[in-house]
N, C-alpha and C. Protein backbone atom coordinates (compact mmCIF):
# COMPACT_ATOMS: atom_id res chain seq x y z
N UNK A 1 9.37 45.11 33.91
CA UNK A 1 9.35 46.44 34.07
C UNK A 1 9.39 46.89 35.56
N UNK A 2 8.66 46.21 36.40
CA UNK A 2 8.56 46.49 37.89
C UNK A 2 10.06 46.44 38.51
N UNK A 3 10.78 45.43 38.00
CA UNK A 3 12.17 45.40 38.62
C UNK A 3 12.96 46.55 38.12
N UNK A 4 12.92 46.95 36.89
CA UNK A 4 13.59 48.11 36.60
C UNK A 4 13.19 49.34 37.26
N UNK A 5 11.79 49.44 37.50
CA UNK A 5 11.37 50.56 38.28
C UNK A 5 11.84 50.57 39.72
N UNK A 6 11.82 49.47 40.24
CA UNK A 6 12.50 49.36 41.75
C UNK A 6 14.02 49.50 41.71
N UNK A 7 14.74 49.05 40.83
CA UNK A 7 16.07 49.38 40.83
C UNK A 7 16.37 50.88 40.77
N UNK A 8 15.68 51.61 39.59
CA UNK A 8 15.92 53.05 39.62
C UNK A 8 15.37 53.79 40.71
N UNK A 9 14.26 53.38 41.18
CA UNK A 9 13.63 54.20 42.32
C UNK A 9 14.48 53.99 43.62
N UNK A 10 14.93 52.80 43.82
CA UNK A 10 15.67 52.36 44.96
C UNK A 10 16.95 53.29 44.94
N UNK A 11 17.67 53.29 43.81
CA UNK A 11 18.95 53.99 43.82
C UNK A 11 18.72 55.46 44.07
N UNK A 12 17.66 56.01 43.39
CA UNK A 12 17.23 57.37 43.51
C UNK A 12 16.94 57.90 44.82
N UNK A 13 16.22 57.06 45.45
CA UNK A 13 15.79 57.26 46.88
C UNK A 13 16.91 57.24 47.82
N UNK A 14 17.78 56.33 47.68
CA UNK A 14 18.91 56.12 48.53
C UNK A 14 19.91 57.42 48.29
N UNK A 15 20.04 57.86 47.10
CA UNK A 15 20.82 58.92 46.77
C UNK A 15 20.31 60.15 47.54
N UNK A 16 18.94 60.36 47.34
CA UNK A 16 18.19 61.39 48.06
C UNK A 16 18.39 61.50 49.49
N UNK A 17 18.34 60.26 50.12
CA UNK A 17 18.41 60.17 51.48
C UNK A 17 19.85 60.55 52.00
N UNK A 18 20.88 59.98 51.15
CA UNK A 18 22.17 60.48 51.57
C UNK A 18 22.42 61.97 51.25
N UNK A 19 21.82 62.71 50.30
CA UNK A 19 21.95 64.06 50.11
C UNK A 19 21.33 64.76 51.11
N UNK A 20 20.36 64.20 51.72
CA UNK A 20 19.57 64.62 52.98
C UNK A 20 20.57 64.64 54.20
N UNK A 21 21.25 63.71 54.46
CA UNK A 21 22.09 63.45 55.50
C UNK A 21 23.17 64.44 55.40
N UNK A 22 23.64 64.91 54.46
CA UNK A 22 24.83 65.84 54.06
C UNK A 22 24.25 67.27 54.14
N UNK A 23 22.93 67.48 54.11
CA UNK A 23 22.26 68.72 54.11
C UNK A 23 22.16 69.47 52.79
N UNK A 24 22.38 68.67 51.70
CA UNK A 24 22.07 69.19 50.41
C UNK A 24 20.61 69.71 50.19
N UNK A 25 20.37 70.92 49.65
CA UNK A 25 19.07 71.42 49.29
C UNK A 25 19.19 72.57 48.27
N UNK A 26 18.16 72.75 47.56
CA UNK A 26 17.89 73.97 46.70
C UNK A 26 16.68 74.55 47.19
N UNK A 27 16.87 75.73 47.98
CA UNK A 27 15.63 76.31 48.66
C UNK A 27 14.43 76.59 47.73
N UNK A 28 13.34 76.18 48.30
CA UNK A 28 12.30 76.43 47.55
C UNK A 28 11.91 75.38 46.38
N UNK A 29 12.71 74.66 46.00
CA UNK A 29 12.59 73.50 44.90
C UNK A 29 12.79 72.16 45.53
N UNK A 30 13.91 72.03 46.11
CA UNK A 30 14.25 70.59 46.63
C UNK A 30 15.00 70.51 47.84
N UNK A 31 14.27 70.33 48.98
CA UNK A 31 14.85 70.10 50.43
C UNK A 31 14.55 68.85 50.92
N UNK A 32 15.73 68.05 51.36
CA UNK A 32 15.38 66.88 52.02
C UNK A 32 16.30 66.91 53.33
N UNK A 33 15.86 67.63 54.17
CA UNK A 33 16.98 67.86 55.47
C UNK A 33 16.09 67.49 56.66
N UNK A 34 14.71 67.28 56.75
CA UNK A 34 14.10 66.80 57.82
C UNK A 34 14.37 65.37 58.19
N UNK A 35 14.63 65.13 59.62
CA UNK A 35 15.08 63.78 59.93
C UNK A 35 14.27 62.62 59.44
N UNK A 36 12.84 62.94 59.61
CA UNK A 36 11.80 62.01 59.16
C UNK A 36 11.87 61.63 57.65
N UNK A 37 11.90 62.70 56.80
CA UNK A 37 12.03 62.57 55.40
C UNK A 37 13.40 61.78 54.99
N UNK A 38 14.36 62.00 55.58
CA UNK A 38 15.60 61.41 55.32
C UNK A 38 15.61 60.01 55.71
N UNK A 39 15.01 59.67 56.67
CA UNK A 39 14.93 58.38 57.12
C UNK A 39 13.98 57.53 56.26
N UNK A 40 12.83 58.04 55.86
CA UNK A 40 11.94 57.47 54.94
C UNK A 40 12.43 57.15 53.60
N UNK A 41 13.32 58.24 53.12
CA UNK A 41 13.90 58.13 51.71
C UNK A 41 14.88 56.84 51.90
N UNK A 42 15.72 56.68 52.92
CA UNK A 42 16.53 55.62 52.99
C UNK A 42 16.05 54.31 53.00
N UNK A 43 14.97 54.08 54.01
CA UNK A 43 14.32 52.78 54.21
C UNK A 43 13.65 52.47 52.88
N UNK A 44 12.72 53.34 52.42
CA UNK A 44 11.96 53.05 51.21
C UNK A 44 12.83 52.70 50.02
N UNK A 45 14.03 53.42 49.96
CA UNK A 45 14.89 53.25 48.87
C UNK A 45 15.68 51.79 48.98
N UNK A 46 15.91 51.47 50.34
CA UNK A 46 16.52 50.11 50.35
C UNK A 46 15.53 49.12 50.11
N UNK A 47 14.33 49.24 50.55
CA UNK A 47 13.10 48.17 50.20
C UNK A 47 13.16 48.22 48.72
N UNK A 48 13.18 49.24 48.09
CA UNK A 48 12.79 49.29 46.57
C UNK A 48 14.10 48.67 45.75
N UNK A 49 15.41 48.99 46.16
CA UNK A 49 16.36 48.33 45.69
C UNK A 49 16.58 46.78 45.90
N UNK A 50 16.11 46.47 47.15
CA UNK A 50 16.04 44.94 47.47
C UNK A 50 15.01 44.33 46.55
N UNK A 51 13.92 44.84 46.32
CA UNK A 51 12.92 44.28 45.46
C UNK A 51 13.29 44.24 44.09
N UNK A 52 13.98 45.15 43.60
CA UNK A 52 14.52 45.17 42.23
C UNK A 52 15.72 44.34 41.97
N UNK A 53 16.68 44.36 42.70
CA UNK A 53 17.85 43.54 42.44
C UNK A 53 17.89 42.03 43.24
N UNK A 54 17.11 41.92 44.29
CA UNK A 54 17.18 40.58 44.87
C UNK A 54 15.64 40.00 45.07
N UNK A 55 14.71 40.57 44.36
CA UNK A 55 13.36 40.19 44.67
C UNK A 55 12.78 38.82 44.34
N UNK A 56 13.40 37.90 43.92
CA UNK A 56 12.85 36.54 43.75
C UNK A 56 11.89 36.65 42.51
N UNK A 57 12.31 36.47 41.33
CA UNK A 57 11.37 36.48 40.15
C UNK A 57 10.38 37.57 39.90
N UNK A 58 10.72 38.72 40.48
CA UNK A 58 10.04 39.96 40.24
C UNK A 58 8.85 40.16 41.23
N UNK A 59 8.44 39.16 41.96
CA UNK A 59 7.06 39.26 42.68
C UNK A 59 7.13 40.62 43.65
N UNK A 60 8.16 40.57 44.37
CA UNK A 60 8.33 41.68 45.28
C UNK A 60 8.45 42.99 44.60
N UNK A 61 9.11 43.04 43.56
CA UNK A 61 9.13 44.18 42.78
C UNK A 61 7.80 44.77 42.23
N UNK A 62 6.95 43.71 41.87
CA UNK A 62 5.60 44.00 41.35
C UNK A 62 4.84 44.57 42.59
N UNK A 63 4.83 43.86 43.70
CA UNK A 63 4.17 44.48 44.85
C UNK A 63 4.55 45.87 45.08
N UNK A 64 5.84 46.05 45.31
CA UNK A 64 6.41 47.39 45.54
C UNK A 64 5.98 48.42 44.59
N UNK A 65 5.90 48.07 43.36
CA UNK A 65 5.36 49.00 42.29
C UNK A 65 3.97 49.39 42.51
N UNK A 66 3.21 48.30 42.68
CA UNK A 66 1.77 48.46 43.09
C UNK A 66 1.44 49.42 44.15
N UNK A 67 2.02 49.13 45.30
CA UNK A 67 1.76 49.83 46.44
C UNK A 67 2.25 51.23 46.43
N UNK A 68 3.76 51.19 46.32
CA UNK A 68 4.27 52.51 46.25
C UNK A 68 3.98 53.61 45.12
N UNK A 69 3.48 52.87 44.00
CA UNK A 69 3.08 53.82 42.97
C UNK A 69 1.80 54.51 43.43
N UNK A 70 0.90 54.03 44.01
CA UNK A 70 -0.29 54.63 44.63
C UNK A 70 0.24 55.59 45.65
N UNK A 71 1.17 55.17 46.45
CA UNK A 71 1.50 56.05 47.63
C UNK A 71 2.30 57.34 47.03
N UNK A 72 3.18 57.14 46.20
CA UNK A 72 3.87 58.20 45.52
C UNK A 72 2.96 59.15 44.80
N UNK A 73 2.10 58.68 44.11
CA UNK A 73 0.98 59.50 43.53
C UNK A 73 0.21 60.33 44.30
N UNK A 74 -0.42 59.65 45.39
CA UNK A 74 -1.05 60.37 46.40
C UNK A 74 -0.07 61.38 47.14
N UNK A 75 1.06 61.12 47.46
CA UNK A 75 1.98 61.86 48.16
C UNK A 75 2.30 63.31 47.37
N UNK A 76 2.50 62.95 45.97
CA UNK A 76 2.87 64.20 45.23
C UNK A 76 1.62 65.15 45.05
N UNK A 77 0.48 64.31 44.96
CA UNK A 77 -0.75 65.39 44.95
C UNK A 77 -0.96 66.10 46.06
N UNK A 78 -0.86 65.52 47.19
CA UNK A 78 -0.91 66.06 48.40
C UNK A 78 0.01 67.11 48.85
N UNK A 79 1.26 66.91 48.30
CA UNK A 79 2.33 67.83 48.56
C UNK A 79 1.98 69.25 48.08
N UNK A 80 1.15 69.32 46.93
CA UNK A 80 0.94 70.66 46.45
C UNK A 80 -0.03 71.43 47.38
N UNK A 81 -0.93 70.71 48.13
CA UNK A 81 -1.79 71.24 49.00
C UNK A 81 -1.46 71.36 50.42
N UNK A 82 -0.75 70.55 50.81
CA UNK A 82 -0.15 70.48 52.19
C UNK A 82 1.23 70.15 52.32
N UNK A 83 2.19 71.35 52.00
CA UNK A 83 3.58 71.03 51.85
C UNK A 83 4.27 70.58 53.08
N UNK A 84 3.68 71.05 54.35
CA UNK A 84 4.33 70.59 55.59
C UNK A 84 3.34 69.42 56.05
N UNK A 85 3.65 68.37 55.50
CA UNK A 85 2.85 67.03 55.79
C UNK A 85 2.92 66.70 57.24
N UNK A 86 4.05 66.66 57.86
CA UNK A 86 4.24 66.67 59.27
C UNK A 86 5.15 67.58 59.74
N UNK A 87 4.72 68.74 60.25
CA UNK A 87 5.61 69.86 60.48
C UNK A 87 6.86 69.45 61.22
N UNK A 88 7.98 69.98 60.71
CA UNK A 88 9.30 69.68 61.50
C UNK A 88 9.83 68.44 61.23
N UNK A 89 9.09 67.52 60.51
CA UNK A 89 9.66 66.25 60.09
C UNK A 89 9.57 65.84 58.60
N UNK A 90 8.55 66.30 57.97
CA UNK A 90 8.36 66.06 56.44
C UNK A 90 7.97 67.31 55.75
N UNK A 91 8.68 67.85 54.85
CA UNK A 91 8.15 69.07 54.14
C UNK A 91 8.26 68.66 52.53
N UNK A 92 7.24 68.94 51.91
CA UNK A 92 7.18 68.44 50.46
C UNK A 92 7.26 69.70 49.56
N UNK A 93 8.33 70.06 48.91
CA UNK A 93 8.28 71.25 48.06
C UNK A 93 8.15 70.84 46.59
N UNK A 94 8.15 71.64 45.74
CA UNK A 94 7.81 71.47 44.31
C UNK A 94 8.71 70.33 43.82
N UNK A 95 10.01 70.45 43.95
CA UNK A 95 10.79 69.26 43.45
C UNK A 95 10.33 67.91 43.82
N UNK A 96 10.22 67.89 45.20
CA UNK A 96 9.68 66.54 45.74
C UNK A 96 8.54 65.96 45.17
N UNK A 97 7.51 67.04 45.02
CA UNK A 97 6.14 66.74 44.48
C UNK A 97 6.31 66.25 43.12
N UNK A 98 6.94 66.88 42.12
CA UNK A 98 7.17 66.37 40.91
C UNK A 98 7.77 64.95 40.83
N UNK A 99 8.79 64.83 41.70
CA UNK A 99 9.40 63.48 41.58
C UNK A 99 8.57 62.50 42.15
N UNK A 100 7.77 62.79 43.32
CA UNK A 100 6.78 61.74 43.66
C UNK A 100 5.63 61.43 42.62
N UNK A 101 5.15 62.43 41.98
CA UNK A 101 4.26 62.21 40.88
C UNK A 101 4.87 61.33 39.74
N UNK A 102 6.07 61.58 39.46
CA UNK A 102 6.55 60.68 38.29
C UNK A 102 6.86 59.34 38.93
N UNK A 103 7.26 59.20 40.00
CA UNK A 103 7.45 57.68 40.56
C UNK A 103 6.07 57.12 40.69
N UNK A 104 5.17 57.84 41.18
CA UNK A 104 3.93 57.26 41.29
C UNK A 104 3.24 56.82 39.87
N UNK A 105 3.24 57.52 38.85
CA UNK A 105 2.82 57.21 37.63
C UNK A 105 3.61 55.98 36.91
N UNK A 106 4.89 56.18 37.24
CA UNK A 106 5.50 55.00 36.61
C UNK A 106 5.47 53.76 37.44
N UNK A 107 5.20 53.92 38.74
CA UNK A 107 4.94 52.73 39.67
C UNK A 107 3.76 52.03 39.25
N UNK A 108 2.68 52.68 39.11
CA UNK A 108 1.33 52.25 38.75
C UNK A 108 1.33 51.47 37.38
N UNK A 109 2.26 52.14 36.45
CA UNK A 109 2.29 51.49 35.08
C UNK A 109 3.03 50.17 35.21
N UNK A 110 4.31 50.39 35.98
CA UNK A 110 5.08 49.17 36.16
C UNK A 110 4.35 47.96 36.74
N UNK A 111 3.59 48.26 37.64
CA UNK A 111 3.09 47.42 38.78
C UNK A 111 1.72 46.88 38.10
N UNK A 112 0.85 47.63 37.51
CA UNK A 112 -0.51 47.07 37.03
C UNK A 112 -0.54 46.89 35.62
N UNK A 113 0.25 47.60 34.74
CA UNK A 113 0.18 47.59 33.34
C UNK A 113 1.20 46.81 32.40
N UNK A 114 2.43 46.90 33.07
CA UNK A 114 3.56 46.29 32.34
C UNK A 114 4.17 45.13 32.71
N UNK A 115 3.72 44.49 33.99
CA UNK A 115 4.26 43.19 34.49
C UNK A 115 5.58 43.47 35.14
N UNK A 116 6.06 42.16 35.44
CA UNK A 116 7.32 42.20 36.35
C UNK A 116 8.68 41.91 35.51
N UNK A 117 8.61 41.88 34.25
CA UNK A 117 9.94 41.56 33.46
C UNK A 117 10.74 42.81 33.61
C-alpha cells in the first residue's frame, strides 16, 4: 500500500506544482502560486514518485509514507490555524489543508498499518 500511496501522492503533488507554475488557482479555496510552495510540491512530488515507482522493494515508499504522513497531517492541521505559514512563500488555504489532511491520514495508514505492498 505504501508504494501505491507514493505513486498517487507523487503524481498529485507534481501536477499541483505544475499548476502552480502556470498560475492556476481557485481564490479562497486552492492557490498554489507562491514560489516556495510550488518548489516544495515539485520536489516532494518527485521524491514520492521515485519512492513509489523505483523505490526498491517498497522500503523507500514505506519510509516516505511514514515520514510525510506525519508531516502532511501536521501541515493540514496547522494550516487551519496559521494559513500564512511563511508569508509570501507558503500560504495554506482550505483546499490545501483538506488535501494535506487526506494525504496525512492515508500516509500514516499506508506507512504504519498497511505495509509496503
